[in-house]
PDB file of all heavy atoms in Angstrom:
ATOM      1  N   LYS A   1       3.801  -0.280   8.928  1.00  0.00           N
ATOM      2  CA  LYS A   1       2.530   0.329   9.314  1.00  0.00           C
ATOM      3  C   LYS A   1       2.814   1.686   9.948  1.00  0.00           C
ATOM      4  O   LYS A   1       3.171   1.775  11.119  1.00  0.00           O
ATOM      5  CB  LYS A   1       1.783  -0.580  10.290  1.00  0.00           C
ATOM      6  CG  LYS A   1       0.370  -0.116  10.603  1.00  0.00           C
ATOM      7  CD  LYS A   1      -0.392  -1.153  11.416  1.00  0.00           C
ATOM      8  CE  LYS A   1       0.160  -1.304  12.799  1.00  0.00           C
ATOM      9  NZ  LYS A   1      -0.683  -2.190  13.647  1.00  0.00           N
ATOM     10  N   ALA A   2       2.703   2.740   9.158  1.00  0.00           N
ATOM     11  CA  ALA A   2       3.044   4.083   9.616  1.00  0.00           C
ATOM     12  C   ALA A   2       2.278   5.105   8.785  1.00  0.00           C
ATOM     13  O   ALA A   2       1.718   4.763   7.731  1.00  0.00           O
ATOM     14  CB  ALA A   2       4.559   4.309   9.486  1.00  0.00           C
ATOM     15  N   PRO A   3       2.226   6.383   9.212  1.00  0.00           N
ATOM     16  CA  PRO A   3       1.437   7.400   8.504  1.00  0.00           C
ATOM     17  C   PRO A   3       1.677   7.528   7.007  1.00  0.00           C
ATOM     18  O   PRO A   3       0.714   7.760   6.263  1.00  0.00           O
ATOM     19  CB  PRO A   3       1.821   8.689   9.258  1.00  0.00           C
ATOM     20  CG  PRO A   3       2.098   8.227  10.641  1.00  0.00           C
ATOM     21  CD  PRO A   3       2.778   6.904  10.485  1.00  0.00           C
ATOM     22  N   PRO A   4       2.929   7.385   6.491  1.00  0.00           N
ATOM     23  CA  PRO A   4       3.087   7.536   5.034  1.00  0.00           C
ATOM     24  C   PRO A   4       2.292   6.528   4.219  1.00  0.00           C
ATOM     25  O   PRO A   4       1.982   6.786   3.056  1.00  0.00           O
ATOM     26  CB  PRO A   4       4.604   7.327   4.834  1.00  0.00           C
ATOM     27  CG  PRO A   4       5.217   7.698   6.132  1.00  0.00           C
ATOM     28  CD  PRO A   4       4.235   7.254   7.174  1.00  0.00           C
ATOM     29  N   LEU A   5       1.963   5.390   4.816  1.00  0.00           N
ATOM     30  CA  LEU A   5       1.268   4.334   4.074  1.00  0.00           C
ATOM     31  C   LEU A   5      -0.199   4.668   3.806  1.00  0.00           C
ATOM     32  O   LEU A   5      -0.822   4.071   2.925  1.00  0.00           O
ATOM     33  CB  LEU A   5       1.379   3.015   4.855  1.00  0.00           C
ATOM     34  CG  LEU A   5       0.751   1.764   4.252  1.00  0.00           C
ATOM     35  CD1 LEU A   5       1.348   1.440   2.882  1.00  0.00           C
ATOM     36  CD2 LEU A   5       0.913   0.573   5.197  1.00  0.00           C
ATOM     37  N   VAL A   6      -0.760   5.617   4.538  1.00  0.00           N
ATOM     38  CA  VAL A   6      -2.205   5.880   4.498  1.00  0.00           C
ATOM     39  C   VAL A   6      -2.752   6.060   3.079  1.00  0.00           C
ATOM     40  O   VAL A   6      -3.738   5.408   2.704  1.00  0.00           O
ATOM     41  CB  VAL A   6      -2.564   7.081   5.394  1.00  0.00           C
ATOM     42  CG1 VAL A   6      -3.998   7.548   5.133  1.00  0.00           C
ATOM     43  CG2 VAL A   6      -2.404   6.707   6.868  1.00  0.00           C
ATOM     44  N   PRO A   7      -2.176   6.922   2.221  1.00  0.00           N
ATOM     45  CA  PRO A   7      -2.748   7.078   0.871  1.00  0.00           C
ATOM     46  C   PRO A   7      -2.702   5.795   0.045  1.00  0.00           C
ATOM     47  O   PRO A   7      -3.586   5.566  -0.793  1.00  0.00           O
ATOM     48  CB  PRO A   7      -1.870   8.165   0.238  1.00  0.00           C
ATOM     49  CG  PRO A   7      -1.269   8.892   1.376  1.00  0.00           C
ATOM     50  CD  PRO A   7      -1.055   7.858   2.427  1.00  0.00           C
ATOM     51  N   VAL A   8      -1.694   4.954   0.280  1.00  0.00           N
ATOM     52  CA  VAL A   8      -1.595   3.693  -0.451  1.00  0.00           C
ATOM     53  C   VAL A   8      -2.727   2.755  -0.024  1.00  0.00           C
ATOM     54  O   VAL A   8      -3.360   2.089  -0.859  1.00  0.00           O
ATOM     55  CB  VAL A   8      -0.218   3.031  -0.219  1.00  0.00           C
ATOM     56  CG1 VAL A   8      -0.117   1.724  -1.001  1.00  0.00           C
ATOM     57  CG2 VAL A   8       0.903   3.980  -0.618  1.00  0.00           C
ATOM     58  N   VAL A   9      -3.002   2.711   1.275  1.00  0.00           N
ATOM     59  CA  VAL A   9      -4.107   1.885   1.782  1.00  0.00           C
ATOM     60  C   VAL A   9      -5.435   2.371   1.219  1.00  0.00           C
ATOM     61  O   VAL A   9      -6.280   1.574   0.785  1.00  0.00           O
ATOM     62  CB  VAL A   9      -4.138   1.905   3.327  1.00  0.00           C
ATOM     63  CG1 VAL A   9      -5.382   1.188   3.851  1.00  0.00           C
ATOM     64  CG2 VAL A   9      -2.878   1.260   3.893  1.00  0.00           C
ATOM     65  N   ILE A  10      -5.628   3.687   1.204  1.00  0.00           N
ATOM     66  CA  ILE A  10      -6.873   4.246   0.671  1.00  0.00           C
ATOM     67  C   ILE A  10      -7.003   3.926  -0.815  1.00  0.00           C
ATOM     68  O   ILE A  10      -8.092   3.564  -1.291  1.00  0.00           O
ATOM     69  CB  ILE A  10      -6.921   5.765   0.922  1.00  0.00           C
ATOM     70  CG1 ILE A  10      -7.100   6.035   2.418  1.00  0.00           C
ATOM     71  CG2 ILE A  10      -8.058   6.419   0.124  1.00  0.00           C
ATOM     72  CD1 ILE A  10      -6.977   7.492   2.808  1.00  0.00           C
ATOM     73  N   ALA A  11      -5.905   4.033  -1.558  1.00  0.00           N
ATOM     74  CA  ALA A  11      -5.948   3.705  -2.994  1.00  0.00           C
ATOM     75  C   ALA A  11      -6.347   2.262  -3.213  1.00  0.00           C
ATOM     76  O   ALA A  11      -7.063   1.930  -4.174  1.00  0.00           O
ATOM     77  CB  ALA A  11      -4.591   3.981  -3.631  1.00  0.00           C
ATOM     78  N   GLN A  12      -5.928   1.379  -2.323  1.00  0.00           N
ATOM     79  CA  GLN A  12      -6.287  -0.027  -2.436  1.00  0.00           C
ATOM     80  C   GLN A  12      -7.747  -0.257  -2.041  1.00  0.00           C
ATOM     81  O   GLN A  12      -8.516  -0.889  -2.769  1.00  0.00           O
ATOM     82  CB  GLN A  12      -5.371  -0.882  -1.571  1.00  0.00           C
ATOM     83  CG  GLN A  12      -5.611  -2.382  -1.724  1.00  0.00           C
ATOM     84  CD  GLN A  12      -4.791  -3.185  -0.736  1.00  0.00           C
ATOM     85  OE1 GLN A  12      -4.841  -2.949   0.466  1.00  0.00           O
ATOM     86  NE2 GLN A  12      -4.014  -4.135  -1.254  1.00  0.00           N
ATOM     87  N   GLN A  13      -8.140   0.287  -0.891  1.00  0.00           N
ATOM     88  CA  GLN A  13      -9.481   0.026  -0.368  1.00  0.00           C
ATOM     89  C   GLN A  13     -10.580   0.705  -1.169  1.00  0.00           C
ATOM     90  O   GLN A  13     -11.695   0.179  -1.258  1.00  0.00           O
ATOM     91  CB  GLN A  13      -9.555   0.465   1.101  1.00  0.00           C
ATOM     92  CG  GLN A  13      -8.674  -0.360   2.022  1.00  0.00           C
ATOM     93  CD  GLN A  13      -8.816   0.034   3.470  1.00  0.00           C
ATOM     94  OE1 GLN A  13      -9.415   1.058   3.802  1.00  0.00           O
ATOM     95  NE2 GLN A  13      -8.259  -0.770   4.359  1.00  0.00           N
ATOM     96  N   GLU A  14     -10.284   1.857  -1.729  1.00  0.00           N
ATOM     97  CA  GLU A  14     -11.290   2.595  -2.490  1.00  0.00           C
ATOM     98  C   GLU A  14     -11.300   2.215  -3.974  1.00  0.00           C
ATOM     99  O   GLU A  14     -11.983   2.856  -4.772  1.00  0.00           O
ATOM    100  CB  GLU A  14     -11.062   4.100  -2.335  1.00  0.00           C
ATOM    101  CG  GLU A  14     -11.199   4.607  -0.917  1.00  0.00           C
ATOM    102  CD  GLU A  14     -12.602   4.416  -0.359  1.00  0.00           C
ATOM    103  OE1 GLU A  14     -13.572   4.785  -1.067  1.00  0.00           O
ATOM    104  OE2 GLU A  14     -12.724   3.891   0.769  1.00  0.00           O
ATOM    105  N   GLY A  15     -10.526   1.218  -4.349  1.00  0.00           N
ATOM    106  CA  GLY A  15     -10.556   0.715  -5.721  1.00  0.00           C
ATOM    107  C   GLY A  15      -9.797   1.548  -6.734  1.00  0.00           C
ATOM    108  O   GLY A  15      -9.974   1.372  -7.947  1.00  0.00           O
ATOM    109  N   MET A  16      -8.925   2.434  -6.274  1.00  0.00           N
ATOM    110  CA  MET A  16      -8.206   3.311  -7.203  1.00  0.00           C
ATOM    111  C   MET A  16      -7.125   2.561  -7.959  1.00  0.00           C
ATOM    112  O   MET A  16      -6.886   2.832  -9.139  1.00  0.00           O
ATOM    113  CB  MET A  16      -7.634   4.503  -6.438  1.00  0.00           C
ATOM    114  CG  MET A  16      -8.728   5.396  -5.858  1.00  0.00           C
ATOM    115  SD  MET A  16      -8.151   6.482  -4.545  1.00  0.00           S
ATOM    116  CE  MET A  16      -9.717   7.208  -4.012  1.00  0.00           C
ATOM    117  N   PHE A  17      -6.460   1.625  -7.305  1.00  0.00           N
ATOM    118  CA  PHE A  17      -5.513   0.772  -8.022  1.00  0.00           C
ATOM    119  C   PHE A  17      -6.244  -0.077  -9.051  1.00  0.00           C
ATOM    120  O   PHE A  17      -5.800  -0.222 -10.197  1.00  0.00           O
ATOM    121  CB  PHE A  17      -4.767  -0.142  -7.043  1.00  0.00           C
ATOM    122  CG  PHE A  17      -3.672   0.531  -6.265  1.00  0.00           C
ATOM    123  CD1 PHE A  17      -3.628   0.442  -4.878  1.00  0.00           C
ATOM    124  CD2 PHE A  17      -2.668   1.239  -6.907  1.00  0.00           C
ATOM    125  CE1 PHE A  17      -2.616   1.051  -4.163  1.00  0.00           C
ATOM    126  CE2 PHE A  17      -1.652   1.852  -6.201  1.00  0.00           C
ATOM    127  CZ  PHE A  17      -1.628   1.762  -4.813  1.00  0.00           C
ATOM    128  N   ALA A  18      -7.368  -0.648  -8.649  1.00  0.00           N
ATOM    129  CA  ALA A  18      -8.128  -1.515  -9.549  1.00  0.00           C
ATOM    130  C   ALA A  18      -8.589  -0.761 -10.791  1.00  0.00           C
ATOM    131  O   ALA A  18      -8.549  -1.292 -11.907  1.00  0.00           O
ATOM    132  CB  ALA A  18      -9.334  -2.106  -8.815  1.00  0.00           C
ATOM    133  N   ARG A  19      -9.005   0.494 -10.602  1.00  0.00           N
ATOM    134  CA  ARG A  19      -9.450   1.291 -11.750  1.00  0.00           C
ATOM    135  C   ARG A  19      -8.306   1.603 -12.707  1.00  0.00           C
ATOM    136  O   ARG A  19      -8.533   1.884 -13.882  1.00  0.00           O
ATOM    137  CB  ARG A  19     -10.119   2.583 -11.262  1.00  0.00           C
ATOM    138  CG  ARG A  19     -11.502   2.369 -10.681  1.00  0.00           C
ATOM    139  CD  ARG A  19     -12.289   3.667 -10.605  1.00  0.00           C
ATOM    140  NE  ARG A  19     -11.749   4.582  -9.625  1.00  0.00           N
ATOM    141  CZ  ARG A  19     -12.063   4.573  -8.325  1.00  0.00           C
ATOM    142  NH1 ARG A  19     -12.899   3.655  -7.858  1.00  0.00           N
ATOM    143  NH2 ARG A  19     -11.549   5.459  -7.501  1.00  0.00           N
ATOM    144  N   GLU A  20      -7.082   1.541 -12.197  1.00  0.00           N
ATOM    145  CA  GLU A  20      -5.909   1.739 -13.050  1.00  0.00           C
ATOM    146  C   GLU A  20      -5.409   0.420 -13.645  1.00  0.00           C
ATOM    147  O   GLU A  20      -4.377   0.392 -14.311  1.00  0.00           O
ATOM    148  CB  GLU A  20      -4.775   2.398 -12.249  1.00  0.00           C
ATOM    149  CG  GLU A  20      -5.031   3.836 -11.876  1.00  0.00           C
ATOM    150  CD  GLU A  20      -5.133   4.747 -13.081  1.00  0.00           C
ATOM    151  OE1 GLU A  20      -4.515   4.441 -14.115  1.00  0.00           O
ATOM    152  OE2 GLU A  20      -5.848   5.770 -12.996  1.00  0.00           O
ATOM    153  N   GLY A  21      -6.140  -0.656 -13.394  1.00  0.00           N
ATOM    154  CA  GLY A  21      -5.733  -1.939 -13.939  1.00  0.00           C
ATOM    155  C   GLY A  21      -4.594  -2.585 -13.173  1.00  0.00           C
ATOM    156  O   GLY A  21      -3.851  -3.394 -13.722  1.00  0.00           O
ATOM    157  N   LEU A  22      -4.446  -2.221 -11.881  1.00  0.00           N
ATOM    158  CA  LEU A  22      -3.383  -2.774 -11.045  1.00  0.00           C
ATOM    159  C   LEU A  22      -3.961  -3.693  -9.978  1.00  0.00           C
ATOM    160  O   LEU A  22      -4.965  -3.359  -9.333  1.00  0.00           O
ATOM    161  CB  LEU A  22      -2.603  -1.654 -10.354  1.00  0.00           C
ATOM    162  CG  LEU A  22      -1.706  -0.775 -11.214  1.00  0.00           C
ATOM    163  CD1 LEU A  22      -1.147   0.369 -10.369  1.00  0.00           C
ATOM    164  CD2 LEU A  22      -0.562  -1.579 -11.819  1.00  0.00           C
ATOM    165  N   GLN A  23      -3.325  -4.818  -9.798  1.00  0.00           N
ATOM    166  CA  GLN A  23      -3.645  -5.706  -8.688  1.00  0.00           C
ATOM    167  C   GLN A  23      -2.564  -5.469  -7.634  1.00  0.00           C
ATOM    168  O   GLN A  23      -1.514  -6.106  -7.624  1.00  0.00           O
ATOM    169  CB  GLN A  23      -3.628  -7.163  -9.143  1.00  0.00           C
ATOM    170  CG  GLN A  23      -3.989  -8.161  -8.055  1.00  0.00           C
ATOM    171  CD  GLN A  23      -3.809  -9.586  -8.536  1.00  0.00           C
ATOM    172  OE1 GLN A  23      -3.778  -9.846  -9.742  1.00  0.00           O
ATOM    173  NE2 GLN A  23      -3.660 -10.507  -7.599  1.00  0.00           N
ATOM    174  N   ALA A  24      -2.809  -4.494  -6.745  1.00  0.00           N
ATOM    175  CA  ALA A  24      -1.792  -4.067  -5.785  1.00  0.00           C
ATOM    176  C   ALA A  24      -1.889  -4.869  -4.497  1.00  0.00           C
ATOM    177  O   ALA A  24      -2.971  -5.042  -3.937  1.00  0.00           O
ATOM    178  CB  ALA A  24      -1.942  -2.584  -5.482  1.00  0.00           C
ATOM    179  N   GLU A  25      -0.751  -5.338  -4.030  1.00  0.00           N
ATOM    180  CA  GLU A  25      -0.661  -6.034  -2.751  1.00  0.00           C
ATOM    181  C   GLU A  25       0.283  -5.262  -1.846  1.00  0.00           C
ATOM    182  O   GLU A  25       1.426  -4.977  -2.209  1.00  0.00           O
ATOM    183  CB  GLU A  25      -0.141  -7.458  -2.944  1.00  0.00           C
ATOM    184  CG  GLU A  25       0.015  -8.220  -1.629  1.00  0.00           C
ATOM    185  CD  GLU A  25       0.675  -9.574  -1.805  1.00  0.00           C
ATOM    186  OE1 GLU A  25       0.965  -9.949  -2.967  1.00  0.00           O
ATOM    187  OE2 GLU A  25       0.928 -10.247  -0.787  1.00  0.00           O
ATOM    188  N   ILE A  26      -0.193  -4.887  -0.662  1.00  0.00           N
ATOM    189  CA  ILE A  26       0.635  -4.204   0.323  1.00  0.00           C
ATOM    190  C   ILE A  26       1.264  -5.261   1.226  1.00  0.00           C
ATOM    191  O   ILE A  26       0.564  -6.045   1.865  1.00  0.00           O
ATOM    192  CB  ILE A  26      -0.192  -3.203   1.157  1.00  0.00           C
ATOM    193  CG1 ILE A  26      -0.798  -2.133   0.237  1.00  0.00           C
ATOM    194  CG2 ILE A  26       0.664  -2.565   2.243  1.00  0.00           C
ATOM    195  CD1 ILE A  26      -1.786  -1.215   0.931  1.00  0.00           C
ATOM    196  N   VAL A  27       2.587  -5.296   1.263  1.00  0.00           N
ATOM    197  CA  VAL A  27       3.320  -6.286   2.059  1.00  0.00           C
ATOM    198  C   VAL A  27       3.954  -5.561   3.238  1.00  0.00           C
ATOM    199  O   VAL A  27       4.818  -4.694   3.053  1.00  0.00           O
ATOM    200  CB  VAL A  27       4.412  -6.986   1.223  1.00  0.00           C
ATOM    201  CG1 VAL A  27       5.073  -8.090   2.032  1.00  0.00           C
ATOM    202  CG2 VAL A  27       3.829  -7.533  -0.076  1.00  0.00           C
ATOM    203  N   LEU A  28       3.526  -5.882   4.455  1.00  0.00           N
ATOM    204  CA  LEU A  28       4.023  -5.194   5.648  1.00  0.00           C
ATOM    205  C   LEU A  28       5.275  -5.868   6.203  1.00  0.00           C
ATOM    206  O   LEU A  28       5.367  -7.097   6.238  1.00  0.00           O
ATOM    207  CB  LEU A  28       2.939  -5.144   6.725  1.00  0.00           C
ATOM    208  CG  LEU A  28       1.705  -4.293   6.391  1.00  0.00           C
ATOM    209  CD1 LEU A  28       0.688  -4.370   7.520  1.00  0.00           C
ATOM    210  CD2 LEU A  28       2.092  -2.839   6.117  1.00  0.00           C
ATOM    211  N   TYR A  29       6.215  -5.043   6.640  1.00  0.00           N
ATOM    212  CA  TYR A  29       7.466  -5.506   7.235  1.00  0.00           C
ATOM    213  C   TYR A  29       7.631  -4.853   8.607  1.00  0.00           C
ATOM    214  O   TYR A  29       7.048  -3.798   8.878  1.00  0.00           O
ATOM    215  CB  TYR A  29       8.651  -5.154   6.338  1.00  0.00           C
ATOM    216  CG  TYR A  29       8.675  -5.939   5.044  1.00  0.00           C
ATOM    217  CD1 TYR A  29       8.022  -5.466   3.908  1.00  0.00           C
ATOM    218  CD2 TYR A  29       9.349  -7.149   4.959  1.00  0.00           C
ATOM    219  CE1 TYR A  29       8.038  -6.188   2.720  1.00  0.00           C
ATOM    220  CE2 TYR A  29       9.375  -7.879   3.773  1.00  0.00           C
ATOM    221  CZ  TYR A  29       8.719  -7.391   2.657  1.00  0.00           C
ATOM    222  OH  TYR A  29       8.733  -8.103   1.485  1.00  0.00           O
ATOM    223  N   PRO A  30       8.442  -5.444   9.478  1.00  0.00           N
ATOM    224  CA  PRO A  30       8.575  -4.890  10.839  1.00  0.00           C
ATOM    225  C   PRO A  30       9.390  -3.604  10.925  1.00  0.00           C
ATOM    226  O   PRO A  30       9.194  -2.805  11.833  1.00  0.00           O
ATOM    227  CB  PRO A  30       9.260  -6.028  11.618  1.00  0.00           C
ATOM    228  CG  PRO A  30       9.990  -6.819  10.576  1.00  0.00           C
ATOM    229  CD  PRO A  30       9.140  -6.734   9.340  1.00  0.00           C
ATOM    230  N   THR A  31      10.327  -3.400   9.994  1.00  0.00           N
ATOM    231  CA  THR A  31      11.193  -2.219  10.042  1.00  0.00           C
ATOM    232  C   THR A  31      11.393  -1.647   8.641  1.00  0.00           C
ATOM    233  O   THR A  31      11.209  -2.341   7.640  1.00  0.00           O
ATOM    234  CB  THR A  31      12.582  -2.570  10.610  1.00  0.00           C
ATOM    235  OG1 THR A  31      13.250  -3.469   9.709  1.00  0.00           O
ATOM    236  CG2 THR A  31      12.472  -3.198  11.995  1.00  0.00           C
ATOM    237  N   LEU A  32      11.804  -0.382   8.606  1.00  0.00           N
ATOM    238  CA  LEU A  32      12.091   0.249   7.316  1.00  0.00           C
ATOM    239  C   LEU A  32      13.297  -0.390   6.640  1.00  0.00           C
ATOM    240  O   LEU A  32      13.349  -0.478   5.411  1.00  0.00           O
ATOM    241  CB  LEU A  32      12.345   1.745   7.512  1.00  0.00           C
ATOM    242  CG  LEU A  32      11.099   2.605   7.740  1.00  0.00           C
ATOM    243  CD1 LEU A  32      11.492   4.029   8.103  1.00  0.00           C
ATOM    244  CD2 LEU A  32      10.194   2.597   6.514  1.00  0.00           C
ATOM    245  N   GLU A  33      14.261  -0.855   7.427  1.00  0.00           N
ATOM    246  CA  GLU A  33      15.418  -1.520   6.837  1.00  0.00           C
ATOM    247  C   GLU A  33      14.987  -2.810   6.142  1.00  0.00           C
ATOM    248  O   GLU A  33      15.498  -3.158   5.075  1.00  0.00           O
ATOM    249  CB  GLU A  33      16.467  -1.827   7.906  1.00  0.00           C
ATOM    250  CG  GLU A  33      17.720  -2.513   7.381  1.00  0.00           C
ATOM    251  CD  GLU A  33      18.417  -1.763   6.251  1.00  0.00           C
ATOM    252  OE1 GLU A  33      18.363  -0.519   6.217  1.00  0.00           O
ATOM    253  OE2 GLU A  33      19.026  -2.442   5.384  1.00  0.00           O
ATOM    254  N   ALA A  34      14.011  -3.511   6.731  1.00  0.00           N
ATOM    255  CA  ALA A  34      13.488  -4.729   6.098  1.00  0.00           C
ATOM    256  C   ALA A  34      12.767  -4.392   4.795  1.00  0.00           C
ATOM    257  O   ALA A  34      12.863  -5.133   3.807  1.00  0.00           O
ATOM    258  CB  ALA A  34      12.549  -5.453   7.058  1.00  0.00           C
ATOM    259  N   VAL A  35      12.059  -3.265   4.779  1.00  0.00           N
ATOM    260  CA  VAL A  35      11.391  -2.807   3.549  1.00  0.00           C
ATOM    261  C   VAL A  35      12.431  -2.513   2.476  1.00  0.00           C
ATOM    262  O   VAL A  35      12.297  -2.925   1.316  1.00  0.00           O
ATOM    263  CB  VAL A  35      10.544  -1.547   3.821  1.00  0.00           C
ATOM    264  CG1 VAL A  35       9.976  -0.994   2.519  1.00  0.00           C
ATOM    265  CG2 VAL A  35       9.418  -1.859   4.794  1.00  0.00           C
ATOM    266  N   ARG A  36      13.476  -1.817   2.876  1.00  0.00           N
ATOM    267  CA  ARG A  36      14.541  -1.450   1.932  1.00  0.00           C
ATOM    268  C   ARG A  36      15.196  -2.700   1.343  1.00  0.00           C
ATOM    269  O   ARG A  36      15.416  -2.787   0.132  1.00  0.00           O
ATOM    270  CB  ARG A  36      15.576  -0.586   2.650  1.00  0.00           C
ATOM    271  CG  ARG A  36      16.681  -0.024   1.780  1.00  0.00           C
ATOM    272  CD  ARG A  36      17.549   0.905   2.621  1.00  0.00           C
ATOM    273  NE  ARG A  36      18.587   1.562   1.845  1.00  0.00           N
ATOM    274  CZ  ARG A  36      19.799   1.095   1.646  1.00  0.00           C
ATOM    275  NH1 ARG A  36      20.156  -0.078   2.162  1.00  0.00           N
ATOM    276  NH2 ARG A  36      20.682   1.774   0.941  1.00  0.00           N
TER     277      ARG A  36
END
């Protein structure tokens, strides 16, 4: 949960992924190393 994620959240909430035919799930992790 950090500033770079903002456009991805907006793409999900505003239906932009859905319009591209994607079922996007954002999976949050506690650290960047865990994401990696």
